[in-house]
Amino acid sequence: MHALVGENGAGKSTLGKVLVGVHSADEGALLVDGVETTFANPAAAAKVGFVGVAQELSLIPARSVTDNVVLGSERWPFVDDRGARRRVQQLIDEHGFDLDPSARVRELSVADQQKVEILRALARDLRLVVFDEPTARLASHEAMELRRTVRALAESGVAVVFVSHFLDEVLAVADRVTIMRDGQVVRTSAASDETHTSLVEAMTGRRSGQLFPDRVPAPDDAPAVLTVEGLTREGQFSDIDLQVRAGEIVGLAGLVGAGRSELAHAIYGATRPDSGRVTIDGEPHRGTVADGIRRRIALIPESRRHQGLVMRRSVADNVTLPLLDRFRTMFGLSSRQISTVASDACRRAGVKAESMAIAVDSLSGGNQQKVLFGRSLLAAPKLLIADEPTRGVDVGAKQSIYELVVEMAANGCGVLLISSEIEEVIGLSHRIAVMRGGRIVAELTGAEMTEDNVLTAAFADVGDAASTRSEHA
């Protein structure tokens, strides 16, 4: 297992795509069994057993799990549906994924869609597999299962290239690590010779500092910007009572499927609850996105590509999209004003882009995420709902995002922080609410905010949590 680490834009994903035929190198050689080889496309690479699991999902939403897994490996001219289902169920059982082979992909959560992407690679006759951020969308116990699968692949003789921003994960599973910065290799070494600090310093070119900034305590008399009372949506969450005060960061922890993202969308106004109510600054929220924007609620969604950004539109368009009324003139929208305002918001959010006119899909994952924060800053929100705000970004971008969140709270914004990274929730939050099975089952403050307590509440019983902690260690 050979890990690739580096900041966003360091070239990790591009290098991985060269190995599996998505891109062709301009110079140099790719040797397979000592023979110089060029792959015209991913299908050519797959024929020799070189397969990639991409960071961004490439599934067919309208088709079933089985169809997506076997796509491209069918034996023509006939497709054996029954045999395909049997084969996919065997893979699911073998690798411990909780999936229904007949389910439509569009009906699955983002985390379950990631599992389908991984299963598609595992269904091939592999010699080399490139995993690009494979655990970014998985809960901690699911990530552990995947790491066991990946480790087993390596032990069976498959070469594994593992790209991850989770440095502790890299140190736990990799045999060797290659560190990249600005498209260049900094060094390759045994994983046992590296530490979290040494990796960060090599990736960034600077000494590692404190990951989480100091939190400014919310004033004791700060008013509630968000009050949720008895909020229920059948099959997703039930009887939710929650409050976020101005200047306070409230973490929402729990396993994937606990109902956290669904609750976030209902609070924002993207979905309607069946019962209960949401008030912003003491006034009832009408439960629409337009009213959420009017009441200055900003949402950083779980999936920036599918829920947050219009990938082929410009950076400026994406930053200003919810607030276009501000730039209306008698002759239409003022493109100059849009560009100026977007540029200022992106500067404050730390976005690195050649111009505001370039398509947002040309940016690195970390900069795409910061574009969403630029949009939020432009709205001057009273309430920020940040759902997995650092998913798929490097440690340098994480620190920048953490500083943004803490700065927004210090300026009086209430923050509802949803994250599957327990360390992130604990490091940023003033209080933590833990969800399980669609309900809030615990609220933790002060010294109670420990990994043990969060896991104990998130799992059905203490034994499961203890087992997970042991595996994590």
Protein backbone atom coordinates (compact mmCIF):
# COMPACT_ATOMS: atom_id res chain seq x y z
CA MET A 1 0.00 0.00 0.00
CA HIS A 2 1.54 3.21 -1.24
CA ALA A 3 -0.08 6.44 0.01
CA LEU A 4 -0.03 9.79 -1.80
CA VAL A 5 -0.46 12.87 0.38
CA GLY A 6 -0.32 16.60 -0.29
CA GLU A 7 -2.42 19.74 -0.21
CA ASN A 8 -5.24 20.30 -2.70
CA GLY A 9 -3.67 21.12 -6.05
CA ALA A 10 -0.46 19.23 -5.28
CA GLY A 11 -1.12 16.83 -8.18
CA LYS A 12 -2.13 13.67 -6.33
CA SER A 13 -5.41 13.04 -8.14
CA THR A 14 -3.91 13.95 -11.51
CA LEU A 15 -1.07 11.49 -11.00
CA GLY A 16 -3.55 8.80 -10.01
CA LYS A 17 -5.57 9.49 -13.17
CA VAL A 18 -2.47 9.01 -15.31
CA LEU A 19 -2.00 5.56 -13.76
CA VAL A 20 -5.54 4.46 -14.74
CA GLY A 21 -5.77 6.02 -18.20
CA VAL A 22 -7.91 9.10 -17.53
CA HIS A 23 -5.01 11.41 -18.44
CA SER A 24 -1.88 10.91 -20.54
CA ALA A 25 1.49 12.15 -19.35
CA ASP A 26 3.20 14.90 -21.37
CA GLU A 27 6.65 13.55 -20.50
CA GLY A 28 8.19 10.55 -18.81
CA ALA A 29 7.23 6.88 -18.93
CA LEU A 30 4.74 4.55 -17.27
CA LEU A 31 6.22 1.08 -16.91
CA VAL A 32 4.00 -1.97 -16.42
CA ASP A 33 6.01 -5.11 -15.64
CA GLY A 34 9.06 -3.20 -16.84
CA VAL A 35 7.55 -2.41 -20.22
CA GLU A 36 6.73 1.19 -21.23
CA THR A 37 2.96 1.45 -21.55
CA THR A 38 0.44 4.07 -22.62
CA PHE A 39 -3.26 3.80 -21.79
CA ALA A 40 -5.57 5.45 -24.33
CA ASN A 41 -8.47 5.47 -21.86
CA PRO A 42 -9.64 3.91 -18.57
CA ALA A 43 -11.05 0.86 -20.41
CA ALA A 44 -7.57 0.08 -21.76
CA ALA A 45 -6.12 0.38 -18.25
CA ALA A 46 -8.86 -1.84 -16.82
CA LYS A 47 -7.96 -4.59 -19.31
CA VAL A 48 -4.58 -4.98 -17.59
CA GLY A 49 -6.13 -4.68 -14.12
CA PHE A 50 -5.46 -0.98 -13.42
CA VAL A 51 -8.62 0.58 -11.93
CA GLY A 52 -9.40 3.85 -10.14
CA VAL A 53 -11.97 4.81 -7.52
CA ALA A 54 -12.41 8.54 -8.11
CA GLN A 55 -12.99 11.23 -5.50
CA GLU A 56 -16.04 12.48 -7.42
CA LEU A 57 -18.69 9.83 -8.01
CA SER A 58 -19.36 8.62 -11.56
CA LEU A 59 -22.50 6.54 -11.18
CA ILE A 60 -25.75 6.26 -13.15
CA PRO A 61 -28.39 7.45 -10.67
CA ALA A 62 -31.38 5.85 -12.39
CA ARG A 63 -29.86 2.36 -12.44
CA SER A 64 -29.57 -0.17 -9.61
CA VAL A 65 -26.59 -0.89 -7.41
CA THR A 66 -26.04 -4.14 -9.34
CA ASP A 67 -26.12 -2.41 -12.74
CA ASN A 68 -23.59 0.19 -11.62
CA VAL A 69 -21.22 -2.37 -10.12
CA VAL A 70 -21.11 -4.66 -13.17
CA LEU A 71 -21.23 -1.89 -15.80
CA GLY A 72 -18.38 -2.35 -18.24
CA SER A 73 -17.59 -5.89 -17.19
CA GLU A 74 -20.57 -7.66 -18.75
CA ARG A 75 -19.96 -10.55 -21.12
CA TRP A 76 -21.64 -9.72 -24.40
CA PRO A 77 -23.91 -10.38 -26.21
CA PHE A 78 -26.01 -11.38 -23.18
CA VAL A 79 -26.32 -9.91 -19.70
CA ASP A 80 -26.91 -12.43 -16.91
CA ASP A 81 -29.05 -10.39 -14.50
CA ARG A 82 -29.46 -13.16 -11.96
CA GLY A 83 -25.76 -13.98 -12.00
CA ALA A 84 -24.87 -10.29 -11.70
CA ARG A 85 -27.09 -9.87 -8.63
CA ARG A 86 -25.59 -12.98 -7.05
CA ARG A 87 -22.07 -11.75 -7.73
CA VAL A 88 -22.76 -8.28 -6.33
CA GLN A 89 -24.43 -9.69 -3.20
CA GLN A 90 -21.35 -11.86 -2.67
CA LEU A 91 -19.12 -8.77 -2.90
CA ILE A 92 -21.36 -6.88 -0.47
CA ASP A 93 -21.22 -9.73 2.05
CA GLU A 94 -17.50 -10.23 1.61
CA HIS A 95 -16.62 -6.58 2.25
CA GLY A 96 -19.22 -5.81 4.91
CA PHE A 97 -21.14 -3.09 3.03
CA ASP A 98 -24.76 -2.59 4.04
CA LEU A 99 -26.35 -2.21 0.59
CA ASP A 100 -29.40 -3.50 -1.26
CA PRO A 101 -28.26 -4.73 -4.72
CA SER A 102 -31.64 -3.80 -6.25
CA ALA A 103 -31.81 -0.24 -4.86
CA ARG A 104 -31.63 2.67 -7.29
CA VAL A 105 -28.45 4.67 -6.80
CA ARG A 106 -30.33 7.98 -6.73
CA GLU A 107 -32.20 6.76 -3.63
CA LEU A 108 -28.98 6.13 -1.70
CA SER A 109 -27.14 8.48 0.63
CA VAL A 110 -23.86 9.99 -0.54
CA ALA A 111 -21.98 7.56 1.70
CA ASP A 112 -23.77 4.54 0.20
CA GLN A 113 -23.09 5.83 -3.31
CA GLN A 114 -19.40 5.91 -2.40
CA LYS A 115 -19.65 2.25 -1.42
CA VAL A 116 -21.12 1.43 -4.85
CA GLU A 117 -18.19 3.20 -6.51
CA ILE A 118 -15.77 1.14 -4.43
CA LEU A 119 -17.60 -2.13 -5.14
CA ARG A 120 -17.36 -1.46 -8.87
CA ALA A 121 -13.57 -1.43 -8.59
CA LEU A 122 -13.53 -4.53 -6.38
CA ALA A 123 -15.60 -6.41 -8.98
CA ARG A 124 -12.71 -6.28 -11.47
CA ASP A 125 -9.67 -8.54 -11.77
CA LEU A 126 -7.35 -6.10 -10.06
CA ARG A 127 -3.60 -5.73 -10.28
CA LEU A 128 -3.45 -2.08 -9.23
CA VAL A 129 -6.18 0.12 -7.78
CA VAL A 130 -6.01 3.86 -7.09
CA PHE A 131 -8.28 4.93 -4.21
CA ASP A 132 -8.78 8.72 -4.26
CA GLU A 133 -10.27 9.83 -0.93
CA PRO A 134 -12.24 6.58 -0.51
CA THR A 135 -13.29 7.21 3.10
CA ALA A 136 -14.21 10.90 2.79
CA ARG A 137 -17.95 10.14 2.66
CA LEU A 138 -17.99 7.24 5.12
CA ALA A 139 -18.74 7.17 8.81
CA SER A 140 -15.90 6.13 11.11
CA HIS A 141 -16.99 2.47 11.46
CA GLU A 142 -17.55 2.21 7.67
CA ALA A 143 -14.12 3.72 7.03
CA MET A 144 -12.60 1.05 9.29
CA GLU A 145 -14.31 -1.68 7.27
CA LEU A 146 -12.97 -0.17 4.05
CA ARG A 147 -9.45 0.02 5.45
CA ARG A 148 -9.65 -3.68 6.27
CA THR A 149 -10.79 -4.36 2.70
CA VAL A 150 -7.97 -2.29 1.24
CA ARG A 151 -5.43 -3.95 3.51
CA ALA A 152 -6.71 -7.38 2.50
CA LEU A 153 -6.38 -6.43 -1.18
CA ALA A 154 -2.75 -5.49 -0.66
CA GLU A 155 -2.05 -8.70 1.23
CA SER A 156 -3.59 -10.69 -1.64
CA GLY A 157 -1.04 -9.21 -4.06
CA VAL A 158 -2.91 -6.18 -5.44
CA ALA A 159 -0.89 -2.97 -5.63
CA VAL A 160 -2.80 -0.18 -3.88
CA VAL A 161 -2.27 3.54 -4.35
CA PHE A 162 -4.11 5.31 -1.52
CA VAL A 163 -4.81 9.06 -1.75
CA SER A 164 -6.16 10.52 1.48
CA HIS A 165 -6.30 13.76 3.45
CA PHE A 166 -6.73 11.79 6.67
CA LEU A 167 -3.11 11.59 7.73
CA ASP A 168 -3.71 9.32 10.73
CA GLU A 169 -5.44 6.93 8.33
CA VAL A 170 -2.43 7.04 6.00
CA LEU A 171 -0.01 6.30 8.84
CA ALA A 172 -2.22 3.41 10.01
CA VAL A 173 -2.63 1.59 6.70
CA ALA A 174 0.21 2.50 4.30
CA ASP A 175 3.53 0.73 3.83
CA ARG A 176 5.13 3.70 2.08
CA VAL A 177 4.18 7.36 1.67
CA THR A 178 4.97 9.78 -1.14
CA ILE A 179 4.53 13.44 -0.22
CA MET A 180 3.75 15.91 -3.02
CA ARG A 181 3.77 19.70 -3.12
CA ASP A 182 3.04 21.93 -6.14
CA GLY A 183 3.21 19.02 -8.59
CA GLN A 184 6.57 17.79 -7.32
CA VAL A 185 7.58 14.86 -5.13
CA VAL A 186 9.00 16.08 -1.83
CA ARG A 187 10.04 12.62 -0.63
CA THR A 188 9.05 8.96 -0.44
CA SER A 189 9.59 7.11 2.81
CA ALA A 190 8.34 4.25 4.94
CA ALA A 191 5.12 5.16 6.73
CA SER A 192 6.72 3.99 9.97
CA ASP A 193 9.31 6.77 9.61
CA GLU A 194 6.67 9.54 9.39
CA THR A 195 4.41 11.27 11.89
CA HIS A 196 1.35 13.46 11.49
CA THR A 197 3.53 16.51 12.11
CA SER A 198 6.28 15.50 9.67
CA LEU A 199 3.71 14.90 6.91
CA VAL A 200 2.02 18.27 7.46
CA GLU A 201 5.32 20.13 7.45
CA ALA A 202 6.47 18.40 4.23
CA MET A 203 3.09 18.98 2.53
CA THR A 204 2.87 22.66 3.39
CA GLY A 205 6.53 23.63 3.50
CA ARG A 206 6.06 25.21 6.92
CA ARG A 207 6.11 24.09 10.52
CA SER A 208 2.90 22.61 11.83
CA GLY A 209 0.85 24.71 14.25
CA GLN A 210 -2.31 24.17 16.22
CA LEU A 211 -4.99 22.63 13.99
CA PHE A 212 -8.02 24.15 15.71
CA PRO A 213 -8.11 27.89 16.47
CA ASP A 214 -9.10 29.11 19.92
CA ARG A 215 -12.86 29.45 20.30
CA VAL A 216 -14.36 32.69 21.58
CA PRO A 217 -17.00 31.78 24.20
CA ALA A 218 -20.53 32.80 23.26
CA PRO A 219 -21.84 35.51 25.63
CA ASP A 220 -24.07 34.12 28.37
CA ASP A 221 -26.85 36.51 27.40
CA ALA A 222 -26.57 35.90 23.64
CA PRO A 223 -30.01 35.52 22.04
CA ALA A 224 -31.07 32.35 20.24
CA VAL A 225 -30.77 32.75 16.46
CA LEU A 226 -32.18 29.25 15.85
CA THR A 227 -34.86 27.47 17.84
CA VAL A 228 -36.18 24.09 16.69
CA GLU A 229 -39.19 22.63 18.49
CA GLY A 230 -40.59 19.14 17.92
CA LEU A 231 -39.40 18.99 14.32
CA THR A 232 -40.36 15.70 12.63
CA ARG A 233 -40.10 14.32 9.10
CA GLU A 234 -41.35 10.77 8.69
CA GLY A 235 -38.53 8.27 8.14
CA GLN A 236 -35.76 10.86 8.62
CA PHE A 237 -35.88 12.54 12.03
CA SER A 238 -38.32 12.82 14.91
CA ASP A 239 -39.18 15.26 17.71
CA ILE A 240 -36.06 17.42 17.39
CA ASP A 241 -35.56 20.20 19.95
CA LEU A 242 -32.46 22.29 19.32
CA GLN A 243 -31.20 25.80 19.95
CA VAL A 244 -28.21 27.75 18.62
CA ARG A 245 -27.31 31.13 20.14
CA ALA A 246 -25.58 34.03 18.43
CA GLY A 247 -21.82 33.46 18.49
CA GLU A 248 -22.21 29.79 19.44
CA ILE A 249 -20.95 26.75 17.51
CA VAL A 250 -23.16 23.73 18.13
CA GLY A 251 -21.79 20.44 16.78
CA LEU A 252 -24.18 17.82 15.44
CA ALA A 253 -22.53 14.40 15.65
CA GLY A 254 -23.71 10.91 14.77
CA LEU A 255 -23.33 8.12 12.26
CA VAL A 256 -24.17 8.43 8.57
CA GLY A 257 -27.92 7.84 8.32
CA ALA A 258 -28.68 9.32 11.73
CA GLY A 259 -30.67 12.12 10.07
CA ARG A 260 -28.22 15.01 10.50
CA SER A 261 -28.16 16.22 6.87
CA GLU A 262 -31.90 15.74 6.52
CA LEU A 263 -32.42 17.90 9.61
CA ALA A 264 -30.09 20.56 8.18
CA HIS A 265 -32.09 20.72 4.94
CA ALA A 266 -35.37 21.04 6.84
CA ILE A 267 -34.00 23.88 8.98
CA TYR A 268 -32.75 25.67 5.87
CA GLY A 269 -36.06 25.22 4.06
CA ALA A 270 -35.01 22.79 1.32
CA THR A 271 -37.46 20.17 2.61
CA ARG A 272 -40.68 20.50 4.60
CA PRO A 273 -41.10 18.79 7.96
CA ASP A 274 -44.32 16.96 8.81
CA SER A 275 -44.65 18.73 12.15
CA GLY A 276 -42.82 21.03 14.54
CA ARG A 277 -41.48 24.50 13.90
CA VAL A 278 -38.29 26.45 13.24
CA THR A 279 -37.85 30.04 14.39
CA ILE A 280 -35.05 32.43 13.40
CA ASP A 281 -34.51 35.34 15.79
CA GLY A 282 -37.85 34.48 17.35
CA GLU A 283 -39.81 34.67 14.07
CA PRO A 284 -41.35 31.58 12.43
CA HIS A 285 -39.46 30.25 9.39
CA ARG A 286 -41.87 29.60 6.50
CA GLY A 287 -39.96 26.49 5.47
CA THR A 288 -38.80 27.57 1.99
CA VAL A 289 -35.32 28.23 0.64
CA ALA A 290 -36.34 31.77 -0.34
CA ASP A 291 -37.42 32.50 3.23
CA GLY A 292 -34.23 30.90 4.55
CA ILE A 293 -32.13 33.21 2.38
CA ARG A 294 -34.26 36.21 3.39
CA ARG A 295 -33.71 35.35 7.06
CA ARG A 296 -29.96 35.12 6.39
CA ILE A 297 -29.45 31.41 6.79
CA ALA A 298 -26.43 30.08 4.88
CA LEU A 299 -25.96 26.38 4.09
CA ILE A 300 -22.70 24.59 3.23
CA PRO A 301 -24.18 21.31 1.92
CA GLU A 302 -22.74 17.83 2.33
CA SER A 303 -21.89 17.43 -1.38
CA ARG A 304 -20.47 20.56 -2.99
CA ARG A 305 -20.69 19.05 -6.47
CA HIS A 306 -24.30 17.84 -6.36
CA GLN A 307 -25.89 20.19 -3.83
CA GLY A 308 -23.76 23.32 -3.60
CA LEU A 309 -22.10 24.40 -6.85
CA VAL A 310 -23.00 24.76 -10.51
CA MET A 311 -19.76 23.21 -11.68
CA ARG A 312 -19.56 24.67 -15.20
CA ARG A 313 -20.50 28.18 -14.17
CA SER A 314 -17.95 30.77 -13.11
CA VAL A 315 -16.67 31.38 -9.61
CA ALA A 316 -18.45 34.74 -9.58
CA ASP A 317 -21.77 33.17 -10.61
CA ASN A 318 -21.53 30.55 -7.88
CA VAL A 319 -20.65 33.05 -5.14
CA THR A 320 -23.50 35.42 -5.95
CA LEU A 321 -26.17 32.92 -7.08
CA PRO A 322 -28.58 33.20 -4.07
CA LEU A 323 -28.28 37.00 -3.94
CA LEU A 324 -28.74 38.10 -7.55
CA ASP A 325 -31.41 40.67 -6.63
CA ARG A 326 -28.64 42.78 -5.14
CA PHE A 327 -27.06 43.23 -8.56
CA ARG A 328 -30.13 43.97 -10.64
CA THR A 329 -30.19 47.17 -12.67
CA MET A 330 -32.70 48.53 -15.16
CA PHE A 331 -30.60 46.91 -17.89
CA GLY A 332 -30.28 43.50 -16.20
CA LEU A 333 -27.59 42.13 -13.91
CA SER A 334 -24.41 44.15 -13.39
CA SER A 335 -21.62 41.72 -14.30
CA ARG A 336 -18.98 44.21 -13.13
CA GLN A 337 -20.57 44.51 -9.69
CA ILE A 338 -20.98 40.73 -9.47
CA SER A 339 -17.30 40.20 -10.26
CA THR A 340 -16.16 42.87 -7.77
CA VAL A 341 -18.31 41.58 -4.91
CA ALA A 342 -17.43 37.93 -5.63
CA SER A 343 -13.72 38.78 -5.72
CA ASP A 344 -13.93 40.42 -2.29
CA ALA A 345 -15.87 37.48 -0.82
CA CYS A 346 -13.37 34.99 -2.26
CA ARG A 347 -10.46 37.00 -0.89
CA ARG A 348 -12.00 36.86 2.58
CA ALA A 349 -12.60 33.12 2.22
CA GLY A 350 -9.06 32.48 0.95
CA VAL A 351 -10.06 31.19 -2.51
CA LYS A 352 -7.16 30.82 -4.92
CA ALA A 353 -8.43 31.37 -8.47
CA GLU A 354 -6.92 32.94 -11.59
CA SER A 355 -10.03 35.06 -12.03
CA MET A 356 -13.67 35.20 -11.08
CA ALA A 357 -14.59 34.22 -14.65
CA ILE A 358 -13.12 30.70 -14.66
CA ALA A 359 -15.41 27.69 -14.22
CA VAL A 360 -15.58 26.50 -10.64
CA ASP A 361 -14.86 22.89 -11.70
CA SER A 362 -11.33 23.97 -12.69
CA LEU A 363 -10.52 24.66 -9.02
CA SER A 364 -9.14 22.16 -6.54
CA GLY A 365 -11.56 20.56 -4.08
CA GLY A 366 -10.38 22.79 -1.25
CA ASN A 367 -10.90 25.95 -3.27
CA GLN A 368 -14.33 24.77 -4.41
CA GLN A 369 -15.26 24.36 -0.75
CA LYS A 370 -13.97 27.86 0.01
CA VAL A 371 -16.16 29.23 -2.80
CA LEU A 372 -19.14 28.01 -0.76
CA PHE A 373 -17.78 29.85 2.26
CA GLY A 374 -17.31 32.95 0.12
CA ARG A 375 -21.00 32.73 -0.78
CA SER A 376 -21.86 32.42 2.92
CA LEU A 377 -19.72 35.41 3.88
CA LEU A 378 -21.44 37.49 1.19
CA ALA A 379 -24.81 36.70 2.79
CA ALA A 380 -23.61 37.96 6.21
CA PRO A 381 -25.59 35.12 7.81
CA LYS A 382 -27.21 35.06 11.21
CA LEU A 383 -27.07 31.25 11.05
CA LEU A 384 -24.50 29.13 9.23
CA ILE A 385 -25.31 25.44 8.72
CA ALA A 386 -22.04 23.74 7.78
CA ASP A 387 -22.57 20.09 6.72
CA GLU A 388 -19.23 18.25 6.41
CA PRO A 389 -17.43 21.57 5.75
CA THR A 390 -13.96 20.04 5.30
CA ARG A 391 -14.85 16.86 3.39
CA GLY A 392 -12.23 16.08 0.75
CA VAL A 393 -9.90 19.00 1.54
CA ASP A 394 -6.29 18.95 2.68
CA VAL A 395 -4.96 19.88 6.09
CA GLY A 396 -3.96 23.39 5.01
CA ALA A 397 -7.44 24.12 3.62
CA LYS A 398 -8.97 22.57 6.76
CA GLN A 399 -7.14 25.03 8.98
CA SER A 400 -8.35 27.94 6.83
CA ILE A 401 -11.94 26.70 7.01
CA TYR A 402 -11.72 26.20 10.77
CA GLU A 403 -10.51 29.78 11.14
CA LEU A 404 -13.40 31.02 8.99
CA VAL A 405 -15.98 29.16 11.09
CA VAL A 406 -14.55 30.43 14.37
CA GLU A 407 -14.27 33.97 12.98
CA MET A 408 -17.91 33.95 11.82
CA ALA A 409 -19.02 32.79 15.27
CA ALA A 410 -16.87 35.43 16.95
CA ASN A 411 -18.67 38.04 14.85
CA GLY A 412 -22.04 36.91 16.21
CA CYS A 413 -23.11 34.26 13.69
CA GLY A 414 -24.69 31.11 15.13
CA VAL A 415 -23.15 27.95 13.65
CA LEU A 416 -24.66 24.47 13.36
CA LEU A 417 -21.70 22.23 12.52
CA ILE A 418 -22.29 18.73 11.13
CA SER A 419 -19.26 16.48 10.76
CA SER A 420 -18.42 12.78 10.72
CA GLU A 421 -14.95 13.63 12.06
CA ILE A 422 -15.32 13.48 15.82
CA GLU A 423 -12.07 15.38 16.36
CA GLU A 424 -13.46 18.22 14.24
CA VAL A 425 -16.73 18.42 16.17
CA ILE A 426 -14.94 18.42 19.52
CA GLY A 427 -12.25 20.87 18.39
CA LEU A 428 -14.68 23.51 17.13
CA SER A 429 -17.91 23.23 19.11
CA HIS A 430 -19.09 24.95 22.27
CA ARG A 431 -21.76 22.24 22.65
CA ILE A 432 -22.39 18.90 20.93
CA ALA A 433 -25.75 17.29 20.18
CA VAL A 434 -25.54 13.61 19.20
CA MET A 435 -28.12 12.05 16.86
CA ARG A 436 -29.00 8.39 16.55
CA GLY A 437 -31.88 6.93 14.57
CA GLY A 438 -33.30 10.33 13.72
CA ARG A 439 -33.37 11.61 17.31
CA ILE A 440 -31.10 13.71 19.49
CA VAL A 441 -30.00 11.25 22.17
CA ALA A 442 -27.39 13.28 24.06
CA GLU A 443 -26.13 16.81 24.58
CA LEU A 444 -22.55 17.27 25.72
CA THR A 445 -20.81 20.34 27.10
CA GLY A 446 -17.41 21.21 28.55
CA ALA A 447 -15.45 18.22 29.84
CA GLU A 448 -18.21 15.87 28.64
CA MET A 449 -17.19 16.51 25.01
CA THR A 450 -14.90 13.51 24.54
CA GLU A 451 -14.60 10.95 21.76
CA ASP A 452 -15.71 8.20 24.13
CA ASN A 453 -18.90 10.03 25.04
CA VAL A 454 -19.75 10.95 21.45
CA LEU A 455 -19.26 7.38 20.22
CA THR A 456 -21.15 5.90 23.15
CA ALA A 457 -24.14 8.09 22.34
CA ALA A 458 -23.88 7.61 18.55
CA PHE A 459 -23.90 3.80 18.73
CA ALA A 460 -26.71 1.66 20.04
CA ASP A 461 -24.72 0.49 23.04
CA VAL A 462 -21.45 1.08 24.85
CA GLY A 463 -19.97 -2.19 23.62
CA ASP A 464 -20.21 -1.11 19.98
CA ALA A 465 -18.58 2.20 20.80
CA ALA A 466 -15.76 0.55 22.74
CA SER A 467 -15.13 -1.84 19.86
CA THR A 468 -15.01 1.08 17.41
CA ARG A 469 -12.59 3.00 19.62
CA SER A 470 -10.35 -0.05 19.79
CA GLU A 471 -10.34 -0.44 16.02
CA HIS A 472 -9.72 3.29 15.56
CA ALA A 473 -6.71 3.11 17.89
